[in-house]
Amino acid sequence: MMTKSKKYLAEQIGQSIAKRRLAAGLTQDQVSEKLGIGYEAVSRMERGVTIPTVIRLAELAEIFGCGIQELLIESSDRPDDQAEQIKSMLAKLNSEDRNMILETIQKLYLRLKP
């Protein structure tokens, strides 16, 4: 049986896989065909019932055209990983939009800080 933290991680990784699959315009059946597994196995990964192996994550990253780290960083609740994810998003924006987001984050931080 999975511990609460492992279950949470499995669910987060599953959500990341589902998000990438949908962004790639693929169905669970199409992904399962590419992996050579049943679509039920893809469904179980996406629901967090099972945690994919590193090899399976590499295969999924290849299918989705992303890095393995992207599937994992999106799933992490570690501050450094979350900062990396924000950095990646900000890099795609112009200076004015980045500044707007930074100001918003600062306001939220001041409102929520302990």
PDB file of N, CA and C in Angstrom:
ATOM      1  N   MET A   1       0.832  -1.180   0.000  1.00  0.00           N
ATOM      2  CA  MET A   1       0.000   0.000   0.000  1.00  0.00           C
ATOM      3  C   MET A   1       0.882   1.251   0.000  1.00  0.00           C
ATOM      4  N   MET A   2       0.451   2.275  -0.747  1.00  0.00           N
ATOM      5  CA  MET A   2       1.218   3.510  -0.839  1.00  0.00           C
ATOM      6  C   MET A   2       0.978   4.387   0.389  1.00  0.00           C
ATOM      7  N   THR A   3       2.064   5.027   0.832  1.00  0.00           N
ATOM      8  CA  THR A   3       1.912   5.999   1.901  1.00  0.00           C
ATOM      9  C   THR A   3       1.214   7.229   1.326  1.00  0.00           C
ATOM     10  N   LYS A   4       0.764   8.103   2.204  1.00  0.00           N
ATOM     11  CA  LYS A   4       0.055   9.303   1.776  1.00  0.00           C
ATOM     12  C   LYS A   4       0.925  10.164   0.852  1.00  0.00           C
ATOM     13  N   SER A   5       2.210  10.326   1.186  1.00  0.00           N
ATOM     14  CA  SER A   5       3.091  11.153   0.362  1.00  0.00           C
ATOM     15  C   SER A   5       3.371  10.507  -0.994  1.00  0.00           C
ATOM     16  N   LYS A   6       3.513   9.180  -1.018  1.00  0.00           N
ATOM     17  CA  LYS A   6       3.724   8.493  -2.296  1.00  0.00           C
ATOM     18  C   LYS A   6       2.466   8.569  -3.155  1.00  0.00           C
ATOM     19  N   LYS A   7       1.308   8.461  -2.536  1.00  0.00           N
ATOM     20  CA  LYS A   7       0.043   8.557  -3.261  1.00  0.00           C
ATOM     21  C   LYS A   7      -0.089   9.947  -3.881  1.00  0.00           C
ATOM     22  N   TYR A   8       0.242  10.983  -3.100  1.00  0.00           N
ATOM     23  CA  TYR A   8       0.183  12.351  -3.608  1.00  0.00           C
ATOM     24  C   TYR A   8       1.120  12.508  -4.801  1.00  0.00           C
ATOM     25  N   LEU A   9       2.355  12.013  -4.673  1.00  0.00           N
ATOM     26  CA  LEU A   9       3.319  12.103  -5.763  1.00  0.00           C
ATOM     27  C   LEU A   9       2.818  11.365  -6.997  1.00  0.00           C
ATOM     28  N   ALA A  10       2.274  10.171  -6.806  1.00  0.00           N
ATOM     29  CA  ALA A  10       1.748   9.404  -7.930  1.00  0.00           C
ATOM     30  C   ALA A  10       0.627  10.170  -8.632  1.00  0.00           C
ATOM     31  N   GLU A  11      -0.238  10.804  -7.864  1.00  0.00           N
ATOM     32  CA  GLU A  11      -1.338  11.580  -8.448  1.00  0.00           C
ATOM     33  C   GLU A  11      -0.817  12.789  -9.211  1.00  0.00           C
ATOM     34  N   GLN A  12       0.196  13.456  -8.663  1.00  0.00           N
ATOM     35  CA  GLN A  12       0.768  14.633  -9.322  1.00  0.00           C
ATOM     36  C   GLN A  12       1.454  14.245 -10.630  1.00  0.00           C
ATOM     37  N   ILE A  13       2.214  13.152 -10.605  1.00  0.00           N
ATOM     38  CA  ILE A  13       2.866  12.681 -11.828  1.00  0.00           C
ATOM     39  C   ILE A  13       1.801  12.288 -12.848  1.00  0.00           C
ATOM     40  N   GLY A  14       0.750  11.626 -12.391  1.00  0.00           N
ATOM     41  CA  GLY A  14      -0.344  11.250 -13.281  1.00  0.00           C
ATOM     42  C   GLY A  14      -0.992  12.452 -13.935  1.00  0.00           C
ATOM     43  N   GLN A  15      -1.205  13.505 -13.159  1.00  0.00           N
ATOM     44  CA  GLN A  15      -1.792  14.727 -13.719  1.00  0.00           C
ATOM     45  C   GLN A  15      -0.866  15.351 -14.763  1.00  0.00           C
ATOM     46  N   SER A  16       0.425  15.307 -14.489  1.00  0.00           N
ATOM     47  CA  SER A  16       1.402  15.838 -15.431  1.00  0.00           C
ATOM     48  C   SER A  16       1.380  15.043 -16.732  1.00  0.00           C
ATOM     49  N   ILE A  17       1.298  13.731 -16.627  1.00  0.00           N
ATOM     50  CA  ILE A  17       1.234  12.875 -17.819  1.00  0.00           C
ATOM     51  C   ILE A  17      -0.033  13.175 -18.605  1.00  0.00           C
ATOM     52  N   ALA A  18      -1.163  13.264 -17.919  1.00  0.00           N
ATOM     53  CA  ALA A  18      -2.435  13.540 -18.593  1.00  0.00           C
ATOM     54  C   ALA A  18      -2.392  14.899 -19.285  1.00  0.00           C
ATOM     55  N   LYS A  19      -1.838  15.891 -18.615  1.00  0.00           N
ATOM     56  CA  LYS A  19      -1.738  17.239 -19.190  1.00  0.00           C
ATOM     57  C   LYS A  19      -0.898  17.221 -20.463  1.00  0.00           C
ATOM     58  N   ARG A  20       0.242  16.542 -20.400  1.00  0.00           N
ATOM     59  CA  ARG A  20       1.118  16.460 -21.576  1.00  0.00           C
ATOM     60  C   ARG A  20       0.455  15.673 -22.716  1.00  0.00           C
ATOM     61  N   ARG A  21      -0.253  14.614 -22.347  1.00  0.00           N
ATOM     62  CA  ARG A  21      -0.937  13.809 -23.368  1.00  0.00           C
ATOM     63  C   ARG A  21      -1.976  14.649 -24.091  1.00  0.00           C
ATOM     64  N   LEU A  22      -2.781  15.374 -23.326  1.00  0.00           N
ATOM     65  CA  LEU A  22      -3.821  16.215 -23.927  1.00  0.00           C
ATOM     66  C   LEU A  22      -3.213  17.327 -24.773  1.00  0.00           C
ATOM     67  N   ALA A  23      -2.126  17.924 -24.291  1.00  0.00           N
ATOM     68  CA  ALA A  23      -1.455  18.981 -25.055  1.00  0.00           C
ATOM     69  C   ALA A  23      -0.906  18.443 -26.379  1.00  0.00           C
ATOM     70  N   ALA A  24      -0.529  17.174 -26.378  1.00  0.00           N
ATOM     71  CA  ALA A  24      -0.019  16.540 -27.600  1.00  0.00           C
ATOM     72  C   ALA A  24      -1.155  16.075 -28.512  1.00  0.00           C
ATOM     73  N   GLY A  25      -2.399  16.204 -28.039  1.00  0.00           N
ATOM     74  CA  GLY A  25      -3.554  15.798 -28.847  1.00  0.00           C
ATOM     75  C   GLY A  25      -3.694  14.295 -28.991  1.00  0.00           C
ATOM     76  N   LEU A  26      -3.266  13.573 -27.963  1.00  0.00           N
ATOM     77  CA  LEU A  26      -3.302  12.108 -28.021  1.00  0.00           C
ATOM     78  C   LEU A  26      -4.346  11.550 -27.051  1.00  0.00           C
ATOM     79  N   THR A  27      -4.906  10.414 -27.405  1.00  0.00           N
ATOM     80  CA  THR A  27      -5.801   9.700 -26.503  1.00  0.00           C
ATOM     81  C   THR A  27      -4.983   8.724 -25.672  1.00  0.00           C
ATOM     82  N   GLN A  28      -5.592   8.212 -24.608  1.00  0.00           N
ATOM     83  CA  GLN A  28      -4.911   7.189 -23.807  1.00  0.00           C
ATOM     84  C   GLN A  28      -4.625   5.969 -24.668  1.00  0.00           C
ATOM     85  N   ASP A  29      -5.534   5.646 -25.562  1.00  0.00           N
ATOM     86  CA  ASP A  29      -5.339   4.483 -26.435  1.00  0.00           C
ATOM     87  C   ASP A  29      -4.134   4.685 -27.357  1.00  0.00           C
ATOM     88  N   GLN A  30      -3.981   5.894 -27.897  1.00  0.00           N
ATOM     89  CA  GLN A  30      -2.834   6.164 -28.775  1.00  0.00           C
ATOM     90  C   GLN A  30      -1.514   6.060 -28.008  1.00  0.00           C
ATOM     91  N   VAL A  31      -1.503   6.597 -26.792  1.00  0.00           N
ATOM     92  CA  VAL A  31      -0.282   6.518 -25.975  1.00  0.00           C
ATOM     93  C   VAL A  31       0.016   5.067 -25.629  1.00  0.00           C
ATOM     94  N   SER A  32      -1.023   4.313 -25.288  1.00  0.00           N
ATOM     95  CA  SER A  32      -0.806   2.904 -24.930  1.00  0.00           C
ATOM     96  C   SER A  32      -0.250   2.114 -26.113  1.00  0.00           C
ATOM     97  N   GLU A  33      -0.720   2.427 -27.323  1.00  0.00           N
ATOM     98  CA  GLU A  33      -0.189   1.748 -28.518  1.00  0.00           C
ATOM     99  C   GLU A  33       1.289   2.057 -28.700  1.00  0.00           C
ATOM    100  N   LYS A  34       1.662   3.321 -28.520  1.00  0.00           N
ATOM    101  CA  LYS A  34       3.063   3.707 -28.676  1.00  0.00           C
ATOM    102  C   LYS A  34       3.955   3.041 -27.622  1.00  0.00           C
ATOM    103  N   LEU A  35       3.384   2.820 -26.419  1.00  0.00           N
ATOM    104  CA  LEU A  35       4.146   2.194 -25.338  1.00  0.00           C
ATOM    105  C   LEU A  35       4.101   0.665 -25.399  1.00  0.00           C
ATOM    106  N   GLY A  36       3.160   0.128 -26.160  1.00  0.00           N
ATOM    107  CA  GLY A  36       3.005  -1.323 -26.229  1.00  0.00           C
ATOM    108  C   GLY A  36       2.367  -1.902 -24.981  1.00  0.00           C
ATOM    109  N   ILE A  37       1.455  -1.126 -24.379  1.00  0.00           N
ATOM    110  CA  ILE A  37       0.750  -1.575 -23.173  1.00  0.00           C
ATOM    111  C   ILE A  37      -0.740  -1.336 -23.372  1.00  0.00           C
ATOM    112  N   GLY A  38      -1.554  -1.827 -22.478  1.00  0.00           N
ATOM    113  CA  GLY A  38      -2.986  -1.604 -22.558  1.00  0.00           C
ATOM    114  C   GLY A  38      -3.348  -0.190 -22.130  1.00  0.00           C
ATOM    115  N   TYR A  39      -4.451   0.328 -22.670  1.00  0.00           N
ATOM    116  CA  TYR A  39      -4.848   1.687 -22.300  1.00  0.00           C
ATOM    117  C   TYR A  39      -5.190   1.796 -20.821  1.00  0.00           C
ATOM    118  N   GLU A  40      -5.576   0.651 -20.199  1.00  0.00           N
ATOM    119  CA  GLU A  40      -5.871   0.658 -18.764  1.00  0.00           C
ATOM    120  C   GLU A  40      -4.639   1.041 -17.954  1.00  0.00           C
ATOM    121  N   ALA A  41      -3.461   0.631 -18.435  1.00  0.00           N
ATOM    122  CA  ALA A  41      -2.209   0.958 -17.742  1.00  0.00           C
ATOM    123  C   ALA A  41      -1.944   2.462 -17.800  1.00  0.00           C
ATOM    124  N   VAL A  42      -2.246   3.075 -18.933  1.00  0.00           N
ATOM    125  CA  VAL A  42      -2.095   4.526 -19.060  1.00  0.00           C
ATOM    126  C   VAL A  42      -3.081   5.216 -18.131  1.00  0.00           C
ATOM    127  N   SER A  43      -4.288   4.730 -18.089  1.00  0.00           N
ATOM    128  CA  SER A  43      -5.312   5.292 -17.210  1.00  0.00           C
ATOM    129  C   SER A  43      -4.883   5.207 -15.748  1.00  0.00           C
ATOM    130  N   ARG A  44      -4.324   4.061 -15.354  1.00  0.00           N
ATOM    131  CA  ARG A  44      -3.869   3.898 -13.960  1.00  0.00           C
ATOM    132  C   ARG A  44      -2.743   4.865 -13.621  1.00  0.00           C
ATOM    133  N   MET A  45      -1.830   5.097 -14.582  1.00  0.00           N
ATOM    134  CA  MET A  45      -0.756   6.066 -14.344  1.00  0.00           C
ATOM    135  C   MET A  45      -1.344   7.462 -14.178  1.00  0.00           C
ATOM    136  N   GLU A  46      -2.247   7.833 -15.066  1.00  0.00           N
ATOM    137  CA  GLU A  46      -2.817   9.179 -15.028  1.00  0.00           C
ATOM    138  C   GLU A  46      -3.651   9.416 -13.765  1.00  0.00           C
ATOM    139  N   ARG A  47      -4.263   8.374 -13.239  1.00  0.00           N
ATOM    140  CA  ARG A  47      -5.067   8.510 -12.015  1.00  0.00           C
ATOM    141  C   ARG A  47      -4.228   8.403 -10.749  1.00  0.00           C
ATOM    142  N   GLY A  48      -2.950   8.068 -10.906  1.00  0.00           N
ATOM    143  CA  GLY A  48      -2.076   7.955  -9.742  1.00  0.00           C
ATOM    144  C   GLY A  48      -2.196   6.632  -9.021  1.00  0.00           C
ATOM    145  N   VAL A  49      -2.787   5.652  -9.672  1.00  0.00           N
ATOM    146  CA  VAL A  49      -2.910   4.327  -9.071  1.00  0.00           C
ATOM    147  C   VAL A  49      -1.556   3.626  -9.095  1.00  0.00           C
ATOM    148  N   THR A  50      -0.809   3.862 -10.172  1.00  0.00           N
ATOM    149  CA  THR A  50       0.543   3.314 -10.284  1.00  0.00           C
ATOM    150  C   THR A  50       1.519   4.441 -10.590  1.00  0.00           C
ATOM    151  N   ILE A  51       2.772   4.249 -10.220  1.00  0.00           N
ATOM    152  CA  ILE A  51       3.828   5.217 -10.507  1.00  0.00           C
ATOM    153  C   ILE A  51       4.674   4.647 -11.645  1.00  0.00           C
ATOM    154  N   PRO A  52       4.836   5.408 -12.726  1.00  0.00           N
ATOM    155  CA  PRO A  52       5.640   4.893 -13.836  1.00  0.00           C
ATOM    156  C   PRO A  52       7.111   4.767 -13.460  1.00  0.00           C
ATOM    157  N   THR A  53       7.764   3.790 -14.044  1.00  0.00           N
ATOM    158  CA  THR A  53       9.200   3.612 -13.835  1.00  0.00           C
ATOM    159  C   THR A  53       9.956   4.726 -14.559  1.00  0.00           C
ATOM    160  N   VAL A  54      11.230   4.853 -14.275  1.00  0.00           N
ATOM    161  CA  VAL A  54      12.063   5.846 -14.946  1.00  0.00           C
ATOM    162  C   VAL A  54      12.093   5.560 -16.450  1.00  0.00           C
ATOM    163  N   ILE A  55      12.172   4.303 -16.808  1.00  0.00           N
ATOM    164  CA  ILE A  55      12.178   3.933 -18.228  1.00  0.00           C
ATOM    165  C   ILE A  55      10.868   4.353 -18.882  1.00  0.00           C
ATOM    166  N   ARG A  56       9.749   4.113 -18.205  1.00  0.00           N
ATOM    167  CA  ARG A  56       8.446   4.496 -18.750  1.00  0.00           C
ATOM    168  C   ARG A  56       8.338   6.014 -18.854  1.00  0.00           C
ATOM    169  N   LEU A  57       8.871   6.743 -17.855  1.00  0.00           N
ATOM    170  CA  LEU A  57       8.867   8.204 -17.931  1.00  0.00           C
ATOM    171  C   LEU A  57       9.664   8.688 -19.142  1.00  0.00           C
ATOM    172  N   ALA A  58      10.785   8.039 -19.423  1.00  0.00           N
ATOM    173  CA  ALA A  58      11.596   8.397 -20.595  1.00  0.00           C
ATOM    174  C   ALA A  58      10.804   8.151 -21.875  1.00  0.00           C
ATOM    175  N   GLU A  59      10.088   7.044 -21.934  1.00  0.00           N
ATOM    176  CA  GLU A  59       9.262   6.745 -23.113  1.00  0.00           C
ATOM    177  C   GLU A  59       8.144   7.777 -23.281  1.00  0.00           C
ATOM    178  N   LEU A  60       7.511   8.136 -22.177  1.00  0.00           N
ATOM    179  CA  LEU A  60       6.443   9.138 -22.228  1.00  0.00           C
ATOM    180  C   LEU A  60       6.994  10.500 -22.661  1.00  0.00           C
ATOM    181  N   ALA A  61       8.145  10.874 -22.125  1.00  0.00           N
ATOM    182  CA  ALA A  61       8.765  12.144 -22.504  1.00  0.00           C
ATOM    183  C   ALA A  61       9.057  12.171 -24.003  1.00  0.00           C
ATOM    184  N   GLU A  62       9.506  11.063 -24.538  1.00  0.00           N
ATOM    185  CA  GLU A  62       9.778  10.964 -25.976  1.00  0.00           C
ATOM    186  C   GLU A  62       8.481  11.152 -26.773  1.00  0.00           C
ATOM    187  N   ILE A  63       7.423  10.503 -26.344  1.00  0.00           N
ATOM    188  CA  ILE A  63       6.127  10.621 -27.023  1.00  0.00           C
ATOM    189  C   ILE A  63       5.608  12.057 -26.980  1.00  0.00           C
ATOM    190  N   PHE A  64       5.757  12.718 -25.837  1.00  0.00           N
ATOM    191  CA  PHE A  64       5.216  14.064 -25.657  1.00  0.00           C
ATOM    192  C   PHE A  64       6.166  15.161 -26.125  1.00  0.00           C
ATOM    193  N   GLY A  65       7.392  14.783 -26.489  1.00  0.00           N
ATOM    194  CA  GLY A  65       8.366  15.775 -26.953  1.00  0.00           C
ATOM    195  C   GLY A  65       8.838  16.712 -25.853  1.00  0.00           C
ATOM    196  N   CYS A  66       9.040  16.162 -24.671  1.00  0.00           N
ATOM    197  CA  CYS A  66       9.527  16.964 -23.547  1.00  0.00           C
ATOM    198  C   CYS A  66      10.621  16.178 -22.839  1.00  0.00           C
ATOM    199  N   GLY A  67      11.224  16.795 -21.851  1.00  0.00           N
ATOM    200  CA  GLY A  67      12.235  16.111 -21.058  1.00  0.00           C
ATOM    201  C   GLY A  67      11.597  15.372 -19.895  1.00  0.00           C
ATOM    202  N   ILE A  68      12.261  14.334 -19.428  1.00  0.00           N
ATOM    203  CA  ILE A  68      11.780  13.600 -18.248  1.00  0.00           C
ATOM    204  C   ILE A  68      11.626  14.560 -17.075  1.00  0.00           C
ATOM    205  N   GLN A  69      12.591  15.473 -16.935  1.00  0.00           N
ATOM    206  CA  GLN A  69      12.558  16.412 -15.821  1.00  0.00           C
ATOM    207  C   GLN A  69      11.299  17.265 -15.841  1.00  0.00           C
ATOM    208  N   GLU A  70      10.766  17.559 -17.024  1.00  0.00           N
ATOM    209  CA  GLU A  70       9.550  18.360 -17.096  1.00  0.00           C
ATOM    210  C   GLU A  70       8.359  17.610 -16.501  1.00  0.00           C
ATOM    211  N   LEU A  71       8.295  16.318 -16.745  1.00  0.00           N
ATOM    212  CA  LEU A  71       7.213  15.520 -16.162  1.00  0.00           C
ATOM    213  C   LEU A  71       7.325  15.481 -14.641  1.00  0.00           C
ATOM    214  N   LEU A  72       8.551  15.457 -14.148  1.00  0.00           N
ATOM    215  CA  LEU A  72       8.766  15.382 -12.705  1.00  0.00           C
ATOM    216  C   LEU A  72       8.657  16.743 -12.021  1.00  0.00           C
ATOM    217  N   ILE A  73       9.214  17.782 -12.638  1.00  0.00           N
ATOM    218  CA  ILE A  73       9.176  19.111 -12.025  1.00  0.00           C
ATOM    219  C   ILE A  73       7.741  19.581 -11.872  1.00  0.00           C
ATOM    220  N   GLU A  74       6.914  19.315 -12.872  1.00  0.00           N
ATOM    221  CA  GLU A  74       5.505  19.700 -12.795  1.00  0.00           C
ATOM    222  C   GLU A  74       4.803  18.995 -11.637  1.00  0.00           C
ATOM    223  N   SER A  75       5.345  17.887 -11.199  1.00  0.00           N
ATOM    224  CA  SER A  75       4.738  17.077 -10.151  1.00  0.00           C
ATOM    225  C   SER A  75       5.277  17.373  -8.764  1.00  0.00           C
ATOM    226  N   SER A  76       6.341  18.126  -8.688  1.00  0.00           N
ATOM    227  CA  SER A  76       7.045  18.315  -7.422  1.00  0.00           C
ATOM    228  C   SER A  76       6.444  19.446  -6.589  1.00  0.00           C
ATOM    229  N   ASP A  77       6.486  19.260  -5.277  1.00  0.00           N
ATOM    230  CA  ASP A  77       6.086  20.340  -4.379  1.00  0.00           C
ATOM    231  C   ASP A  77       7.308  20.960  -3.692  1.00  0.00           C
ATOM    232  N   ARG A  78       8.496  20.626  -4.190  1.00  0.00           N
ATOM    233  CA  ARG A  78       9.727  21.216  -3.665  1.00  0.00           C
ATOM    234  C   ARG A  78       9.869  22.650  -4.182  1.00  0.00           C
ATOM    235  N   PRO A  79      10.169  23.605  -3.316  1.00  0.00           N
ATOM    236  CA  PRO A  79      10.297  25.004  -3.747  1.00  0.00           C
ATOM    237  C   PRO A  79      11.264  25.207  -4.917  1.00  0.00           C
ATOM    238  N   ASP A  80      12.407  24.520  -4.913  1.00  0.00           N
ATOM    239  CA  ASP A  80      13.366  24.681  -6.014  1.00  0.00           C
ATOM    240  C   ASP A  80      12.778  24.223  -7.341  1.00  0.00           C
ATOM    241  N   ASP A  81      12.043  23.126  -7.330  1.00  0.00           N
ATOM    242  CA  ASP A  81      11.418  22.621  -8.555  1.00  0.00           C
ATOM    243  C   ASP A  81      10.309  23.557  -9.021  1.00  0.00           C
ATOM    244  N   GLN A  82       9.534  24.069  -8.080  1.00  0.00           N
ATOM    245  CA  GLN A  82       8.468  25.003  -8.436  1.00  0.00           C
ATOM    246  C   GLN A  82       9.062  26.298  -9.005  1.00  0.00           C
ATOM    247  N   ALA A  83      10.177  26.753  -8.425  1.00  0.00           N
ATOM    248  CA  ALA A  83      10.848  27.947  -8.942  1.00  0.00           C
ATOM    249  C   ALA A  83      11.338  27.698 -10.370  1.00  0.00           C
ATOM    250  N   GLU A  84      11.842  26.508 -10.629  1.00  0.00           N
ATOM    251  CA  GLU A  84      12.302  26.153 -11.974  1.00  0.00           C
ATOM    252  C   GLU A  84      11.139  26.163 -12.968  1.00  0.00           C
ATOM    253  N   GLN A  85      10.001  25.673 -12.529  1.00  0.00           N
ATOM    254  CA  GLN A  85       8.821  25.663 -13.394  1.00  0.00           C
ATOM    255  C   GLN A  85       8.369  27.095 -13.704  1.00  0.00           C
ATOM    256  N   ILE A  86       8.360  27.953 -12.694  1.00  0.00           N
ATOM    257  CA  ILE A  86       7.995  29.359 -12.906  1.00  0.00           C
ATOM    258  C   ILE A  86       9.004  30.025 -13.836  1.00  0.00           C
ATOM    259  N   LYS A  87      10.283  29.742 -13.623  1.00  0.00           N
ATOM    260  CA  LYS A  87      11.337  30.300 -14.477  1.00  0.00           C
ATOM    261  C   LYS A  87      11.109  29.928 -15.933  1.00  0.00           C
ATOM    262  N   SER A  88      10.752  28.684 -16.174  1.00  0.00           N
ATOM    263  CA  SER A  88      10.505  28.213 -17.529  1.00  0.00           C
ATOM    264  C   SER A  88       9.316  28.944 -18.162  1.00  0.00           C
ATOM    265  N   MET A  89       8.269  29.160 -17.385  1.00  0.00           N
ATOM    266  CA  MET A  89       7.103  29.878 -17.901  1.00  0.00           C
ATOM    267  C   MET A  89       7.444  31.338 -18.178  1.00  0.00           C
ATOM    268  N   LEU A  90       8.159  31.975 -17.251  1.00  0.00           N
ATOM    269  CA  LEU A  90       8.508  33.383 -17.406  1.00  0.00           C
ATOM    270  C   LEU A  90       9.395  33.616 -18.630  1.00  0.00           C
ATOM    271  N   ALA A  91      10.262  32.665 -18.925  1.00  0.00           N
ATOM    272  CA  ALA A  91      11.186  32.813 -20.053  1.00  0.00           C
ATOM    273  C   ALA A  91      10.451  32.970 -21.381  1.00  0.00           C
ATOM    274  N   LYS A  92       9.217  32.515 -21.431  1.00  0.00           N
ATOM    275  CA  LYS A  92       8.445  32.584 -22.677  1.00  0.00           C
ATOM    276  C   LYS A  92       7.695  33.906 -22.839  1.00  0.00           C
ATOM    277  N   LEU A  93       7.770  34.765 -21.821  1.00  0.00           N
ATOM    278  CA  LEU A  93       7.019  36.023 -21.836  1.00  0.00           C
ATOM    279  C   LEU A  93       7.922  37.224 -22.100  1.00  0.00           C
ATOM    280  N   ASN A  94       7.299  38.318 -22.534  1.00  0.00           N
ATOM    281  CA  ASN A  94       8.067  39.550 -22.714  1.00  0.00           C
ATOM    282  C   ASN A  94       8.300  40.206 -21.354  1.00  0.00           C
ATOM    283  N   SER A  95       9.165  41.199 -21.329  1.00  0.00           N
ATOM    284  CA  SER A  95       9.577  41.854 -20.090  1.00  0.00           C
ATOM    285  C   SER A  95       8.395  42.457 -19.333  1.00  0.00           C
ATOM    286  N   GLU A  96       7.496  43.098 -20.030  1.00  0.00           N
ATOM    287  CA  GLU A  96       6.347  43.741 -19.382  1.00  0.00           C
ATOM    288  C   GLU A  96       5.461  42.705 -18.680  1.00  0.00           C
ATOM    289  N   ASP A  97       5.210  41.590 -19.343  1.00  0.00           N
ATOM    290  CA  ASP A  97       4.375  40.545 -18.743  1.00  0.00           C
ATOM    291  C   ASP A  97       5.076  39.883 -17.564  1.00  0.00           C
ATOM    292  N   ARG A  98       6.398  39.681 -17.677  1.00  0.00           N
ATOM    293  CA  ARG A  98       7.148  39.119 -16.553  1.00  0.00           C
ATOM    294  C   ARG A  98       7.062  40.026 -15.334  1.00  0.00           C
ATOM    295  N   ASN A  99       7.210  41.322 -15.549  1.00  0.00           N
ATOM    296  CA  ASN A  99       7.126  42.275 -14.445  1.00  0.00           C
ATOM    297  C   ASN A  99       5.743  42.265 -13.806  1.00  0.00           C
ATOM    298  N   MET A 100       4.703  42.160 -14.614  1.00  0.00           N
ATOM    299  CA  MET A 100       3.346  42.107 -14.086  1.00  0.00           C
ATOM    300  C   MET A 100       3.175  40.875 -13.193  1.00  0.00           C
ATOM    301  N   ILE A 101       3.682  39.743 -13.649  1.00  0.00           N
ATOM    302  CA  ILE A 101       3.581  38.510 -12.860  1.00  0.00           C
ATOM    303  C   ILE A 101       4.387  38.636 -11.575  1.00  0.00           C
ATOM    304  N   LEU A 102       5.571  39.181 -11.647  1.00  0.00           N
ATOM    305  CA  LEU A 102       6.394  39.364 -10.456  1.00  0.00           C
ATOM    306  C   LEU A 102       5.688  40.249  -9.428  1.00  0.00           C
ATOM    307  N   GLU A 103       5.099  41.345  -9.873  1.00  0.00           N
ATOM    308  CA  GLU A 103       4.353  42.228  -8.961  1.00  0.00           C
ATOM    309  C   GLU A 103       3.193  41.482  -8.309  1.00  0.00           C
ATOM    310  N   THR A 104       2.495  40.665  -9.091  1.00  0.00           N
ATOM    311  CA  THR A 104       1.370  39.892  -8.565  1.00  0.00           C
ATOM    312  C   THR A 104       1.845  38.895  -7.517  1.00  0.00           C
ATOM    313  N   ILE A 105       2.941  38.219  -7.801  1.00  0.00           N
ATOM    314  CA  ILE A 105       3.497  37.249  -6.848  1.00  0.00           C
ATOM    315  C   ILE A 105       3.927  37.953  -5.564  1.00  0.00           C
ATOM    316  N   GLN A 106       4.542  39.115  -5.695  1.00  0.00           N
ATOM    317  CA  GLN A 106       4.960  39.861  -4.506  1.00  0.00           C
ATOM    318  C   GLN A 106       3.753  40.239  -3.642  1.00  0.00           C
ATOM    319  N   LYS A 107       2.675  40.692  -4.267  1.00  0.00           N
ATOM    320  CA  LYS A 107       1.460  41.044  -3.528  1.00  0.00           C
ATOM    321  C   LYS A 107       0.872  39.818  -2.833  1.00  0.00           C
ATOM    322  N   LEU A 108       0.829  38.704  -3.543  1.00  0.00           N
ATOM    323  CA  LEU A 108       0.320  37.471  -2.946  1.00  0.00           C
ATOM    324  C   LEU A 108       1.193  37.032  -1.770  1.00  0.00           C
ATOM    325  N   TYR A 109       2.483  37.106  -1.938  1.00  0.00           N
ATOM    326  CA  TYR A 109       3.404  36.715  -0.882  1.00  0.00           C
ATOM    327  C   TYR A 109       3.172  37.575   0.370  1.00  0.00           C
ATOM    328  N   LEU A 110       3.100  38.882   0.173  1.00  0.00           N
ATOM    329  CA  LEU A 110       2.886  39.772   1.322  1.00  0.00           C
ATOM    330  C   LEU A 110       1.560  39.482   2.022  1.00  0.00           C
ATOM    331  N   ARG A 111       0.572  39.113   1.273  1.00  0.00           N
ATOM    332  CA  ARG A 111      -0.755  38.800   1.846  1.00  0.00           C
ATOM    333  C   ARG A 111      -0.742  37.466   2.593  1.00  0.00           C
ATOM    334  N   LEU A 112       0.021  36.502   2.089  1.00  0.00           N
ATOM    335  CA  LEU A 112      -0.026  35.143   2.634  1.00  0.00           C
ATOM    336  C   LEU A 112       1.113  34.800   3.602  1.00  0.00           C
ATOM    337  N   LYS A 113       2.161  35.596   3.631  1.00  0.00           N
ATOM    338  CA  LYS A 113       3.319  35.206   4.434  1.00  0.00           C
ATOM    339  C   LYS A 113       2.925  35.033   5.910  1.00  0.00           C
ATOM    340  N   PRO A 114       3.609  34.123   6.569  1.00  0.00           N
ATOM    341  CA  PRO A 114       3.299  33.852   7.989  1.00  0.00           C
ATOM    342  C   PRO A 114       3.669  34.993   8.898  1.00  0.00           C
TER     343      PRO A 114
END
